[in-house]
Amino acid sequence: GYNWPDFAVEIRSPSDNPKDIRAKIDEYLHLGVQAVWDVDPATRRVIVHRPGCEPHTFSVDDILTAPGLLPNFALRVGEIFAG
């Protein structure tokens, strides 16, 4: 079988259907991915999905972390969209 990663990032494009994105994220979580970052350039937000938890939305001034997956990682969401 396929060895799924612990962590995935999904970057939305304007043509993406939100229902399709959610289905893909749910599939990742079902397959054992521990965290999925749903990056939405249109709203400049990152929605973090974890198995068994409600999604958590991070806005441009929030600090994004991934405890247990990316030790010592911290990034202000606005930095993702800078440039």
Protein backbone atom coordinates (compact mmCIF):
# COMPACT_ATOMS: atom_id res chain seq x y z
CA GLY A 1 0.00 0.00 0.00
CA TYR A 2 0.84 3.64 -0.27
CA ASN A 3 2.66 5.31 2.62
CA TRP A 4 0.72 8.54 3.20
CA PRO A 5 2.52 11.59 4.64
CA ASP A 6 1.82 12.87 8.15
CA PHE A 7 1.16 16.37 6.82
CA ALA A 8 -0.33 17.84 3.62
CA VAL A 9 -0.89 21.32 2.20
CA GLU A 10 -3.77 22.03 -0.17
CA ILE A 11 -3.52 25.39 -1.97
CA ARG A 12 -6.81 26.57 -3.44
CA SER A 13 -7.12 28.12 -6.86
CA PRO A 14 -10.05 30.32 -7.95
CA SER A 15 -11.47 27.47 -10.05
CA ASP A 16 -11.54 24.96 -7.17
CA ASN A 17 -14.94 23.79 -5.97
CA PRO A 18 -15.13 24.05 -2.13
CA LYS A 19 -17.04 20.74 -1.91
CA ASP A 20 -14.29 18.99 -3.90
CA ILE A 21 -11.59 20.48 -1.67
CA ARG A 22 -13.41 19.35 1.47
CA ALA A 23 -13.84 15.84 0.03
CA LYS A 24 -10.10 15.67 -0.74
CA ILE A 25 -9.21 16.87 2.78
CA ASP A 26 -11.60 14.34 4.33
CA GLU A 27 -9.98 11.60 2.24
CA TYR A 28 -6.48 12.64 3.40
CA LEU A 29 -7.60 12.50 7.03
CA HIS A 30 -9.32 9.14 6.50
CA LEU A 31 -6.08 7.75 5.06
CA GLY A 32 -4.09 8.73 8.14
CA VAL A 33 -2.72 12.20 7.35
CA GLN A 34 -2.36 13.95 10.73
CA ALA A 35 -2.84 17.54 9.55
CA VAL A 36 -3.97 19.25 6.36
CA TRP A 37 -3.42 22.95 5.80
CA ASP A 38 -6.08 24.36 3.46
CA VAL A 39 -4.45 27.53 2.11
CA ASP A 40 -6.94 29.99 0.61
CA PRO A 41 -5.27 32.93 -1.18
CA ALA A 42 -8.68 34.55 -1.86
CA THR A 43 -9.38 35.02 1.87
CA ARG A 44 -5.71 35.04 2.95
CA ARG A 45 -6.47 32.35 5.53
CA VAL A 46 -5.22 28.89 6.37
CA ILE A 47 -7.69 26.35 7.71
CA VAL A 48 -6.03 23.53 9.64
CA HIS A 49 -7.80 20.18 9.59
CA ARG A 50 -6.90 17.35 11.99
CA PRO A 51 -8.59 13.98 12.49
CA GLY A 52 -11.38 14.09 15.06
CA CYS A 53 -11.16 17.88 15.50
CA GLU A 54 -13.09 20.85 14.21
CA PRO A 55 -11.15 22.82 11.57
CA HIS A 56 -9.30 25.85 12.93
CA THR A 57 -8.96 29.02 10.85
CA PHE A 58 -5.83 31.16 10.99
CA SER A 59 -5.92 34.73 9.62
CA VAL A 60 -3.04 36.89 8.36
CA ASP A 61 -1.91 38.06 11.81
CA ASP A 62 -2.08 34.60 13.41
CA ILE A 63 0.97 32.40 13.95
CA LEU A 64 0.73 29.03 12.25
CA THR A 65 2.38 26.09 14.03
CA ALA A 66 2.30 22.31 13.68
CA PRO A 67 3.09 20.86 17.11
CA GLY A 68 4.25 17.28 16.92
CA LEU A 69 4.72 17.44 13.15
CA LEU A 70 7.06 20.37 12.52
CA PRO A 71 8.94 21.04 15.76
CA ASN A 72 10.00 24.68 16.26
CA PHE A 73 8.04 25.80 13.18
CA ALA A 74 6.17 29.09 13.50
CA LEU A 75 5.06 31.34 10.66
CA ARG A 76 2.77 34.37 10.57
CA VAL A 77 0.05 33.51 8.04
CA GLY A 78 0.50 36.85 6.26
CA GLU A 79 4.03 35.78 5.30
CA ILE A 80 2.55 33.04 3.11
CA PHE A 81 0.77 35.65 1.01
CA ALA A 82 3.51 38.33 1.01
CA GLY A 83 5.09 39.29 -2.27
